[in-house]
Amino acid sequence: MVSMLRRALILGVRRSGYHISACPELRAAHSMPDHLAKALDYREMYPDLLPAPDITRRNHVRESLELGDMLKRRTALDIPEFYVGTYMSITVSDKNAPGKKNKFVGICIQRKDVGLRHQVVLRNIVENEGVEITYDLYSPLILEIQVLRLEKRLDKDLSFLRDALPEFSTVPWNMEPEQHPEGSPVPINETKAIMKGLPWTQRWERKELKGMIVPFELSEKRVRGAIETSKPWEKYDLMVDYRSQIPLEEQIVIWNQVEKHRRTVEERHKYIRRRKLMQSEELPV
């Protein structure tokens, strides 16, 4: 589905004298103004920095203060680029753990909420049991966030892995970080998880998921229920799309502040990250 933001960008660019083909394959990056291309990229890269789109609960003073606090936290803690489907590890301070630290390795299956309340859910299989830990991304207890394999998945929410075969949630505890070429696009892992038998924790067949395979036939009642509860017209509803996003002009103001932060703090974090990775590769086995 072409999002409302992309439609607005296309219309805005056309009114500005630019032309963007409706076909994504023909839409070259250089044909789009930098500030519009940046809005598209950053919106997916930093979903936590955008305020909630509910206009009845917005407060611009609070949003401005929160954004400043989040950028300050990103200055103290290296929060790398990651998406749902990325393999990563998070180390937190734990006074009851050996060494006063606790590290968990897993696949990011969910990113939820916005601002300082933004949360990340990691999932892994521990002793044949599925384990999920929810982290507050801006919690002062977090000591380190490390991306082991940067990639995306076909869906924006991988909660259905709870009812999939364990091998689709398993991440090796000794997995070494894989270096992602600077400037190259983030790969999309098109692996489709095979679901276990019923019962499931949710009715996943109603969510139009692309990354799961049901290896058996669902009952006629479940199929009929999925059809009756589906809302295929919503992808054409411009108002639903508009109300679920922040206006473009407000996004540009936020992304300008993020761009200043990226040019200074994040570039330094990337340099330190690459240096650590090179040093680990040079260590003798």
Protein backbone atom coordinates (compact mmCIF):
# COMPACT_ATOMS: atom_id res chain seq x y z
CA MET A 1 0.00 0.00 0.00
CA VAL A 2 1.31 3.41 -0.96
CA SER A 3 1.21 5.44 2.22
CA MET A 4 -0.42 8.82 2.58
CA LEU A 5 3.00 10.35 3.13
CA ARG A 6 4.27 9.04 -0.19
CA ARG A 7 1.12 10.30 -1.94
CA ALA A 8 1.58 13.72 -0.36
CA LEU A 9 5.23 13.77 -1.34
CA ILE A 10 4.44 12.83 -4.93
CA LEU A 11 1.73 15.50 -5.17
CA GLY A 12 3.95 18.08 -3.49
CA VAL A 13 6.86 17.36 -5.77
CA ARG A 14 4.68 17.54 -8.87
CA ARG A 15 3.33 20.93 -7.77
CA SER A 16 6.91 22.07 -7.22
CA GLY A 17 7.81 21.28 -10.81
CA TYR A 18 9.42 17.90 -10.15
CA HIS A 19 8.14 14.67 -11.64
CA ILE A 20 8.11 11.29 -9.93
CA SER A 21 6.95 8.21 -11.78
CA ALA A 22 4.14 6.28 -10.15
CA CYS A 23 6.20 3.11 -10.62
CA PRO A 24 8.66 2.65 -7.72
CA GLU A 25 11.21 1.00 -10.00
CA LEU A 26 11.35 4.11 -12.20
CA ARG A 27 11.42 6.61 -9.34
CA ALA A 28 15.08 7.51 -9.05
CA ALA A 29 16.48 8.95 -5.84
CA HIS A 30 17.96 12.01 -7.58
CA SER A 31 14.54 13.04 -8.94
CA MET A 32 13.24 13.72 -5.41
CA PRO A 33 14.29 16.77 -3.36
CA ASP A 34 16.63 15.95 -0.50
CA HIS A 35 14.27 17.04 2.27
CA LEU A 36 11.48 14.83 0.90
CA ALA A 37 13.70 11.79 0.46
CA LYS A 38 15.03 12.36 3.98
CA ALA A 39 11.50 12.38 5.40
CA LEU A 40 10.78 9.01 3.80
CA ASP A 41 13.99 7.42 5.08
CA TYR A 42 13.99 8.85 8.60
CA ARG A 43 10.33 8.04 9.21
CA GLU A 44 11.16 4.34 9.00
CA MET A 45 14.57 4.64 10.63
CA TYR A 46 13.48 6.69 13.68
CA PRO A 47 9.81 5.88 14.43
CA ASP A 48 10.42 6.70 18.10
CA LEU A 49 11.27 10.34 17.38
CA LEU A 50 7.89 11.13 15.84
CA PRO A 51 5.07 12.12 18.23
CA ALA A 52 1.79 10.24 18.42
CA PRO A 53 -0.47 11.16 15.48
CA ASP A 54 -3.60 11.48 17.67
CA ILE A 55 -4.35 15.20 17.40
CA THR A 56 -6.52 15.15 20.53
CA ARG A 57 -3.52 14.26 22.72
CA ARG A 58 -0.75 16.29 21.16
CA ASN A 59 1.18 18.93 23.08
CA HIS A 60 3.91 20.69 21.13
CA VAL A 61 5.80 21.87 24.21
CA ARG A 62 6.00 18.34 25.62
CA GLU A 63 6.96 16.94 22.21
CA SER A 64 9.79 19.47 21.86
CA LEU A 65 11.12 18.70 25.35
CA GLU A 66 10.89 14.95 24.73
CA LEU A 67 12.76 15.23 21.44
CA GLY A 68 15.55 17.14 23.17
CA ASP A 69 15.77 14.50 25.90
CA MET A 70 15.85 11.67 23.35
CA LEU A 71 18.65 13.27 21.35
CA LYS A 72 20.65 13.83 24.56
CA ARG A 73 20.18 10.17 25.47
CA ARG A 74 21.34 9.18 21.99
CA THR A 75 24.44 11.28 22.60
CA ALA A 76 25.30 9.28 25.73
CA LEU A 77 24.20 5.87 24.36
CA ASP A 78 24.96 4.54 20.90
CA ILE A 79 21.54 3.55 19.54
CA PRO A 80 22.28 2.09 16.10
CA GLU A 81 19.90 1.85 13.17
CA PHE A 82 17.64 -1.20 13.43
CA TYR A 83 14.26 -2.42 12.27
CA VAL A 84 11.74 -5.13 13.06
CA GLY A 85 13.49 -8.33 12.01
CA THR A 86 16.99 -7.19 12.98
CA TYR A 87 19.14 -9.57 15.03
CA MET A 88 20.50 -7.64 18.00
CA SER A 89 21.62 -7.78 21.60
CA ILE A 90 20.86 -5.44 24.49
CA THR A 91 22.91 -5.22 27.68
CA VAL A 92 21.32 -3.71 30.79
CA SER A 93 22.46 -2.98 34.31
CA ASP A 94 21.27 -5.65 36.75
CA LYS A 95 22.45 -5.58 40.36
CA ASN A 96 21.44 -9.23 40.86
CA ALA A 97 23.32 -10.60 37.84
CA PRO A 98 26.97 -11.74 37.79
CA GLY A 99 29.10 -8.77 36.86
CA LYS A 100 26.12 -6.46 37.48
CA LYS A 101 25.17 -6.81 33.79
CA ASN A 102 22.59 -8.82 31.90
CA LYS A 103 22.74 -9.39 28.14
CA PHE A 104 19.97 -10.79 25.95
CA VAL A 105 20.30 -11.77 22.29
CA GLY A 106 17.28 -12.07 20.05
CA ILE A 107 15.34 -10.93 17.03
CA CYS A 108 13.42 -7.66 17.20
CA ILE A 109 9.77 -8.66 16.72
CA GLN A 110 8.08 -5.41 17.66
CA ARG A 111 8.61 -1.68 18.09
CA LYS A 112 5.76 0.10 19.84
CA ASP A 113 4.78 3.45 21.32
CA VAL A 114 6.50 6.76 20.63
CA GLY A 115 8.77 9.24 22.34
CA LEU A 116 10.41 8.37 25.63
CA ARG A 117 7.90 5.52 26.01
CA HIS A 118 9.18 3.72 22.91
CA GLN A 119 9.69 0.00 23.53
CA VAL A 120 11.57 -2.77 21.73
CA VAL A 121 10.66 -6.46 22.07
CA LEU A 122 13.37 -9.10 21.55
CA ARG A 123 12.57 -12.79 21.17
CA ASN A 124 14.74 -15.90 21.33
CA ILE A 125 14.42 -19.59 22.15
CA VAL A 126 16.01 -20.50 25.50
CA GLU A 127 16.06 -24.20 26.45
CA ASN A 128 13.24 -24.95 24.00
CA GLU A 129 11.08 -22.18 25.43
CA GLY A 130 10.23 -18.92 23.73
CA VAL A 131 11.48 -15.95 25.75
CA GLU A 132 10.60 -12.32 25.06
CA ILE A 133 11.96 -9.26 26.84
CA THR A 134 10.53 -5.78 26.40
CA TYR A 135 13.02 -2.93 26.76
CA ASP A 136 12.33 0.77 27.15
CA LEU A 137 14.64 2.12 24.48
CA TYR A 138 15.49 5.26 26.46
CA SER A 139 15.83 3.59 29.84
CA PRO A 140 18.99 4.65 31.74
CA LEU A 141 19.50 0.97 32.65
CA ILE A 142 20.52 0.13 29.08
CA LEU A 143 24.30 -0.01 28.76
CA GLU A 144 24.76 -1.19 25.19
CA ILE A 145 22.72 -1.92 22.07
CA GLN A 146 24.47 -3.95 19.40
CA VAL A 147 23.15 -4.87 15.97
CA LEU A 148 24.24 -8.37 14.95
CA ARG A 149 22.54 -8.51 11.56
CA LEU A 150 20.80 -5.51 10.07
CA GLU A 151 17.78 -6.55 8.03
CA LYS A 152 14.05 -6.03 7.58
CA ARG A 153 11.19 -8.50 7.24
CA LEU A 154 8.05 -8.64 5.13
CA ASP A 155 5.86 -7.50 8.06
CA LYS A 156 6.17 -4.58 10.48
CA ASP A 157 5.19 -6.79 13.44
CA LEU A 158 6.57 -10.29 13.99
CA SER A 159 4.47 -11.19 17.03
CA PHE A 160 3.13 -14.18 15.08
CA LEU A 161 6.51 -15.89 15.69
CA ARG A 162 5.06 -16.86 19.07
CA ASP A 163 2.95 -19.43 17.25
CA ALA A 164 5.55 -20.37 14.62
CA LEU A 165 8.07 -23.20 14.72
CA PRO A 166 10.94 -22.49 17.16
CA GLU A 167 13.66 -22.38 14.50
CA PHE A 168 12.22 -19.14 13.14
CA SER A 169 12.82 -17.40 16.49
CA THR A 170 16.20 -18.93 17.32
CA VAL A 171 19.25 -16.65 17.41
CA PRO A 172 22.68 -18.07 18.41
CA TRP A 173 23.90 -16.63 21.70
CA ASN A 174 27.47 -16.44 20.37
CA MET A 175 26.48 -14.73 17.12
CA GLU A 176 29.11 -12.24 15.95
CA PRO A 177 28.05 -8.86 14.50
CA GLU A 178 27.96 -8.70 10.71
CA GLN A 179 29.23 -5.51 9.12
CA HIS A 180 26.73 -3.72 6.90
CA PRO A 181 28.28 -1.80 3.96
CA GLU A 182 27.99 1.94 4.51
CA GLY A 183 25.38 3.52 2.25
CA SER A 184 23.95 0.27 0.91
CA PRO A 185 20.20 -0.44 1.27
CA VAL A 186 19.00 -2.54 4.18
CA PRO A 187 18.28 -6.09 2.93
CA ILE A 188 14.78 -7.53 3.28
CA ASN A 189 14.65 -11.08 4.60
CA GLU A 190 11.80 -12.75 2.72
CA THR A 191 11.80 -15.86 4.92
CA LYS A 192 8.27 -17.03 5.73
CA ALA A 193 7.71 -18.66 9.10
CA ILE A 194 5.81 -21.95 9.22
CA MET A 195 3.07 -21.83 11.82
CA LYS A 196 2.41 -24.51 14.42
CA GLY A 197 -0.95 -26.18 14.80
CA LEU A 198 -3.92 -24.60 16.48
CA PRO A 199 -4.69 -23.13 18.96
CA TRP A 200 -2.85 -19.85 18.41
CA THR A 201 -2.47 -16.91 20.79
CA GLN A 202 -4.25 -14.69 18.25
CA ARG A 203 -6.25 -15.10 15.07
CA TRP A 204 -3.30 -14.38 12.80
CA GLU A 205 -5.26 -15.27 9.67
CA ARG A 206 -7.18 -12.00 10.12
CA LYS A 207 -4.10 -9.77 9.99
CA GLU A 208 -3.11 -10.19 6.32
CA LEU A 209 0.46 -11.15 7.18
CA LYS A 210 2.96 -11.77 4.39
CA GLY A 211 5.65 -13.56 6.38
CA MET A 212 3.83 -16.64 7.61
CA ILE A 213 2.79 -19.95 6.07
CA VAL A 214 -0.09 -22.04 7.42
CA PRO A 215 0.77 -25.66 6.49
CA PHE A 216 -2.80 -26.87 6.98
CA GLU A 217 -6.29 -25.86 5.95
CA LEU A 218 -8.19 -23.62 8.31
CA SER A 219 -11.76 -24.45 9.14
CA GLU A 220 -14.52 -22.86 7.11
CA LYS A 221 -15.64 -20.94 10.20
CA ARG A 222 -12.21 -19.30 10.69
CA VAL A 223 -11.92 -18.45 7.00
CA ARG A 224 -15.40 -16.93 7.00
CA GLY A 225 -14.56 -14.94 10.13
CA ALA A 226 -11.39 -13.60 8.52
CA ILE A 227 -13.35 -12.47 5.46
CA GLU A 228 -16.10 -10.84 7.53
CA THR A 229 -13.70 -8.90 9.76
CA SER A 230 -11.40 -7.77 6.95
CA LYS A 231 -11.48 -4.13 5.87
CA PRO A 232 -10.04 -4.08 2.35
CA TRP A 233 -11.32 -0.54 1.76
CA GLU A 234 -9.10 0.96 4.46
CA LYS A 235 -6.05 0.99 2.19
CA TYR A 236 -7.99 3.39 -0.05
CA ASP A 237 -9.27 5.58 2.82
CA LEU A 238 -7.19 8.75 2.64
CA MET A 239 -8.48 10.12 5.94
CA VAL A 240 -7.53 6.98 7.87
CA ASP A 241 -4.08 7.19 6.31
CA TYR A 242 -3.78 10.91 7.03
CA ARG A 243 -4.83 10.63 10.68
CA SER A 244 -2.31 7.84 11.31
CA GLN A 245 0.67 10.03 10.41
CA ILE A 246 2.29 13.32 11.33
CA PRO A 247 1.93 16.18 8.80
CA LEU A 248 4.93 16.41 6.50
CA GLU A 249 5.81 19.99 7.44
CA GLU A 250 6.08 18.99 11.11
CA GLN A 251 8.22 15.98 10.21
CA ILE A 252 10.65 18.21 8.32
CA VAL A 253 11.22 20.31 11.46
CA ILE A 254 11.99 17.17 13.49
CA TRP A 255 14.24 15.64 10.84
CA ASN A 256 16.28 18.85 10.57
CA GLN A 257 17.20 18.47 14.25
CA VAL A 258 17.93 14.78 13.71
CA GLU A 259 20.17 15.62 10.75
CA LYS A 260 22.32 17.89 12.93
CA HIS A 261 22.57 15.10 15.49
CA ARG A 262 23.55 12.57 12.80
CA ARG A 263 26.34 14.75 11.42
CA THR A 264 28.02 15.00 14.81
CA VAL A 265 27.13 12.35 17.36
CA GLU A 266 26.07 9.41 15.18
CA GLU A 267 29.09 9.70 12.89
CA ARG A 268 31.34 9.44 15.94
CA HIS A 269 29.38 6.42 17.17
CA LYS A 270 29.71 4.76 13.75
CA TYR A 271 33.47 5.32 13.76
CA ILE A 272 33.84 3.75 17.22
CA ARG A 273 31.59 0.85 16.17
CA ARG A 274 33.63 0.12 13.03
CA ARG A 275 36.86 0.33 15.00
CA LYS A 276 35.64 -2.22 17.57
CA LEU A 277 34.49 -4.55 14.80
CA MET A 278 37.84 -4.36 13.01
CA GLN A 279 39.70 -5.02 16.25
CA SER A 280 37.55 -8.08 16.98
CA GLU A 281 38.26 -9.45 13.49
CA GLU A 282 42.01 -9.01 14.00
CA LEU A 283 42.06 -10.98 17.26
CA PRO A 284 43.68 -14.44 16.90
CA VAL A 285 41.36 -17.43 17.12
